[in-house]
Amino acid sequence: MIDSVRRLHDAVRSARASDLSSSRTARLLQSGTLKISKKLAEEAVEVALEAVAGKRSEVIRESADLVYHLVVLWVEAGVEPKEVWAELDRREKLFGIAEKLPKKSVAHAKRMMTNPPHQRARRVLSR
């Protein structure tokens, strides 16, 4: 799959220079981040609805559309697939699987980085 996504990413990036009258991808890229994001969200909802309906073959087709629109958004945002794979690898090292980071842990880690323990201790002691 990684190779397929890389090839899709390369093709989408190349399509940016394509003729707008003949390339749906070029038109989508031309429309900007908001339109691309809306299309991505629509596809995500369609995948979820087909899954709830138990339509496996539709889940597969809609998932392919979802991946396509995600890659278009990556191109628009300047994100390389290898950056996403690196983040998944990082998460796998932290949790054993590449799961979504819990919001609390992310917020806590940010607070810890911006507010070192010695500063927190000073605040507590000064009360």
C-alpha atoms as a PDB file:
ATOM      1  CA  MET A   1       0.000   0.000   0.000  1.00  0.00           C
ATOM      2  CA  ILE A   2       2.829   2.391   0.774  1.00  0.00           C
ATOM      3  CA  ASP A   3       4.033   2.126  -2.823  1.00  0.00           C
ATOM      4  CA  SER A   4       0.501   2.696  -4.130  1.00  0.00           C
ATOM      5  CA  VAL A   5       0.086   5.821  -2.023  1.00  0.00           C
ATOM      6  CA  ARG A   6       3.518   7.077  -3.110  1.00  0.00           C
ATOM      7  CA  ARG A   7       2.590   6.575  -6.780  1.00  0.00           C
ATOM      8  CA  LEU A   8      -0.767   8.278  -6.226  1.00  0.00           C
ATOM      9  CA  HIS A   9       0.978  11.188  -4.492  1.00  0.00           C
ATOM     10  CA  ASP A  10       3.396  11.552  -7.411  1.00  0.00           C
ATOM     11  CA  ALA A  11       0.521  11.439  -9.914  1.00  0.00           C
ATOM     12  CA  VAL A  12      -1.503  14.030  -7.992  1.00  0.00           C
ATOM     13  CA  ARG A  13       1.515  16.307  -7.741  1.00  0.00           C
ATOM     14  CA  SER A  14       2.080  15.965 -11.490  1.00  0.00           C
ATOM     15  CA  ALA A  15      -1.577  16.682 -12.192  1.00  0.00           C
ATOM     16  CA  ARG A  16      -1.184  20.167 -10.737  1.00  0.00           C
ATOM     17  CA  ALA A  17       0.348  21.190 -14.078  1.00  0.00           C
ATOM     18  CA  SER A  18      -2.315  19.396 -16.139  1.00  0.00           C
ATOM     19  CA  ASP A  19      -4.972  20.996 -18.291  1.00  0.00           C
ATOM     20  CA  LEU A  20      -7.933  21.941 -16.087  1.00  0.00           C
ATOM     21  CA  SER A  21     -10.401  20.925 -18.792  1.00  0.00           C
ATOM     22  CA  SER A  22      -9.140  17.344 -18.847  1.00  0.00           C
ATOM     23  CA  SER A  23      -7.944  16.678 -15.284  1.00  0.00           C
ATOM     24  CA  ARG A  24     -10.350  16.374 -12.378  1.00  0.00           C
ATOM     25  CA  THR A  25      -7.357  16.332 -10.030  1.00  0.00           C
ATOM     26  CA  ALA A  26      -5.989  19.574 -11.477  1.00  0.00           C
ATOM     27  CA  ARG A  27      -9.403  21.219 -11.027  1.00  0.00           C
ATOM     28  CA  LEU A  28      -9.642  19.968  -7.455  1.00  0.00           C
ATOM     29  CA  LEU A  29      -6.165  21.288  -6.640  1.00  0.00           C
ATOM     30  CA  GLN A  30      -7.056  24.593  -8.288  1.00  0.00           C
ATOM     31  CA  SER A  31     -10.145  24.883  -6.075  1.00  0.00           C
ATOM     32  CA  GLY A  32      -8.024  25.113  -2.911  1.00  0.00           C
ATOM     33  CA  THR A  33      -7.786  23.667   0.561  1.00  0.00           C
ATOM     34  CA  LEU A  34     -11.369  24.366   1.649  1.00  0.00           C
ATOM     35  CA  LYS A  35     -12.927  22.501  -1.279  1.00  0.00           C
ATOM     36  CA  ILE A  36     -10.445  19.628  -0.991  1.00  0.00           C
ATOM     37  CA  SER A  37     -11.151  19.372   2.744  1.00  0.00           C
ATOM     38  CA  LYS A  38     -14.905  19.292   2.129  1.00  0.00           C
ATOM     39  CA  LYS A  39     -14.477  16.495  -0.419  1.00  0.00           C
ATOM     40  CA  LEU A  40     -12.311  14.547   2.033  1.00  0.00           C
ATOM     41  CA  ALA A  41     -14.944  14.928   4.764  1.00  0.00           C
ATOM     42  CA  GLU A  42     -17.720  13.839   2.383  1.00  0.00           C
ATOM     43  CA  GLU A  43     -15.798  10.694   1.481  1.00  0.00           C
ATOM     44  CA  ALA A  44     -15.141   9.877   5.147  1.00  0.00           C
ATOM     45  CA  VAL A  45     -18.853  10.142   5.890  1.00  0.00           C
ATOM     46  CA  GLU A  46     -19.685   7.944   2.897  1.00  0.00           C
ATOM     47  CA  VAL A  47     -17.255   5.248   4.092  1.00  0.00           C
ATOM     48  CA  ALA A  48     -18.805   5.326   7.556  1.00  0.00           C
ATOM     49  CA  LEU A  49     -22.376   5.170   6.250  1.00  0.00           C
ATOM     50  CA  GLU A  50     -21.605   2.245   3.942  1.00  0.00           C
ATOM     51  CA  ALA A  51     -19.946   0.427   6.847  1.00  0.00           C
ATOM     52  CA  VAL A  52     -23.008   0.962   9.039  1.00  0.00           C
ATOM     53  CA  ALA A  53     -25.182  -0.327   6.189  1.00  0.00           C
ATOM     54  CA  GLY A  54     -22.991  -3.427   5.985  1.00  0.00           C
ATOM     55  CA  LYS A  55     -22.081  -2.826   2.344  1.00  0.00           C
ATOM     56  CA  ARG A  56     -18.555  -4.200   2.232  1.00  0.00           C
ATOM     57  CA  SER A  57     -17.932  -3.619  -1.480  1.00  0.00           C
ATOM     58  CA  GLU A  58     -19.099  -0.011  -1.141  1.00  0.00           C
ATOM     59  CA  VAL A  59     -16.815   0.485   1.864  1.00  0.00           C
ATOM     60  CA  ILE A  60     -13.923  -0.612  -0.349  1.00  0.00           C
ATOM     61  CA  ARG A  61     -14.867   1.738  -3.193  1.00  0.00           C
ATOM     62  CA  GLU A  62     -15.543   4.701  -0.917  1.00  0.00           C
ATOM     63  CA  SER A  63     -12.298   4.008   0.983  1.00  0.00           C
ATOM     64  CA  ALA A  64     -10.374   4.295  -2.273  1.00  0.00           C
ATOM     65  CA  ASP A  65     -12.061   7.669  -2.861  1.00  0.00           C
ATOM     66  CA  LEU A  66     -11.182   8.689   0.689  1.00  0.00           C
ATOM     67  CA  VAL A  67      -7.512   7.803   0.220  1.00  0.00           C
ATOM     68  CA  TYR A  68      -7.450   9.691  -3.094  1.00  0.00           C
ATOM     69  CA  HIS A  69      -8.877  12.855  -1.507  1.00  0.00           C
ATOM     70  CA  LEU A  70      -6.532  12.516   1.477  1.00  0.00           C
ATOM     71  CA  VAL A  71      -3.562  12.379  -0.885  1.00  0.00           C
ATOM     72  CA  VAL A  72      -4.861  15.416  -2.793  1.00  0.00           C
ATOM     73  CA  LEU A  73      -5.048  17.285   0.518  1.00  0.00           C
ATOM     74  CA  TRP A  74      -1.496  16.169   1.368  1.00  0.00           C
ATOM     75  CA  VAL A  75      -0.252  17.551  -1.941  1.00  0.00           C
ATOM     76  CA  GLU A  76      -2.084  20.823  -1.341  1.00  0.00           C
ATOM     77  CA  ALA A  77      -0.638  21.035   2.183  1.00  0.00           C
ATOM     78  CA  GLY A  78       2.891  20.059   1.119  1.00  0.00           C
ATOM     79  CA  VAL A  79       2.827  16.811   3.105  1.00  0.00           C
ATOM     80  CA  GLU A  80       4.876  13.867   1.874  1.00  0.00           C
ATOM     81  CA  PRO A  81       3.631  10.312   2.514  1.00  0.00           C
ATOM     82  CA  LYS A  82       6.967   9.434   4.153  1.00  0.00           C
ATOM     83  CA  GLU A  83       6.195  12.050   6.832  1.00  0.00           C
ATOM     84  CA  VAL A  84       2.915  10.321   7.655  1.00  0.00           C
ATOM     85  CA  TRP A  85       4.613   6.897   7.708  1.00  0.00           C
ATOM     86  CA  ALA A  86       7.269   8.299  10.049  1.00  0.00           C
ATOM     87  CA  GLU A  87       4.550   9.525  12.424  1.00  0.00           C
ATOM     88  CA  LEU A  88       2.889   6.097  12.351  1.00  0.00           C
ATOM     89  CA  ASP A  89       6.267   4.477  13.101  1.00  0.00           C
ATOM     90  CA  ARG A  90       6.798   6.892  16.005  1.00  0.00           C
ATOM     91  CA  ARG A  91       3.403   6.023  17.456  1.00  0.00           C
ATOM     92  CA  GLU A  92       4.055   2.323  17.055  1.00  0.00           C
ATOM     93  CA  LYS A  93       7.242   2.695  19.080  1.00  0.00           C
ATOM     94  CA  LEU A  94       5.334   4.535  21.823  1.00  0.00           C
ATOM     95  CA  PHE A  95       2.248   2.317  22.030  1.00  0.00           C
ATOM     96  CA  GLY A  96       3.111  -0.959  20.307  1.00  0.00           C
ATOM     97  CA  ILE A  97       0.641  -0.125  17.543  1.00  0.00           C
ATOM     98  CA  ALA A  98       0.259   2.990  15.428  1.00  0.00           C
ATOM     99  CA  GLU A  99      -2.827   4.182  17.243  1.00  0.00           C
ATOM    100  CA  LYS A 100      -4.176   7.689  17.527  1.00  0.00           C
ATOM    101  CA  LEU A 101      -2.532   9.653  20.303  1.00  0.00           C
ATOM    102  CA  PRO A 102      -4.870  10.346  23.212  1.00  0.00           C
ATOM    103  CA  LYS A 103      -5.794  14.027  23.428  1.00  0.00           C
ATOM    104  CA  LYS A 104      -4.980  14.173  27.151  1.00  0.00           C
ATOM    105  CA  SER A 105      -1.489  12.805  26.615  1.00  0.00           C
ATOM    106  CA  VAL A 106      -0.763  15.288  23.831  1.00  0.00           C
ATOM    107  CA  ALA A 107      -2.034  18.237  25.890  1.00  0.00           C
ATOM    108  CA  HIS A 108      -0.112  17.028  28.946  1.00  0.00           C
ATOM    109  CA  ALA A 109       3.092  16.598  26.925  1.00  0.00           C
ATOM    110  CA  LYS A 110       2.734  20.120  25.514  1.00  0.00           C
ATOM    111  CA  ARG A 111       2.241  21.562  29.014  1.00  0.00           C
ATOM    112  CA  MET A 112       5.265  19.664  30.266  1.00  0.00           C
ATOM    113  CA  MET A 113       7.413  21.034  27.448  1.00  0.00           C
ATOM    114  CA  THR A 114       6.252  24.639  27.884  1.00  0.00           C
ATOM    115  CA  ASN A 115       6.142  24.523  31.684  1.00  0.00           C
ATOM    116  CA  PRO A 116       9.174  22.578  33.037  1.00  0.00           C
ATOM    117  CA  PRO A 117       8.902  20.898  36.457  1.00  0.00           C
ATOM    118  CA  HIS A 118      11.108  23.451  38.228  1.00  0.00           C
ATOM    119  CA  GLN A 119       8.750  26.272  37.156  1.00  0.00           C
ATOM    120  CA  ARG A 120       5.696  24.319  38.329  1.00  0.00           C
ATOM    121  CA  ALA A 121       7.385  23.679  41.689  1.00  0.00           C
ATOM    122  CA  ARG A 122       8.184  27.392  42.135  1.00  0.00           C
ATOM    123  CA  ARG A 123       4.530  28.283  41.536  1.00  0.00           C
ATOM    124  CA  VAL A 124       3.322  25.734  44.083  1.00  0.00           C
ATOM    125  CA  LEU A 125       5.867  26.841  46.696  1.00  0.00           C
ATOM    126  CA  SER A 126       5.052  30.532  46.234  1.00  0.00           C
ATOM    127  CA  ARG A 127       1.384  30.025  47.077  1.00  0.00           C
END
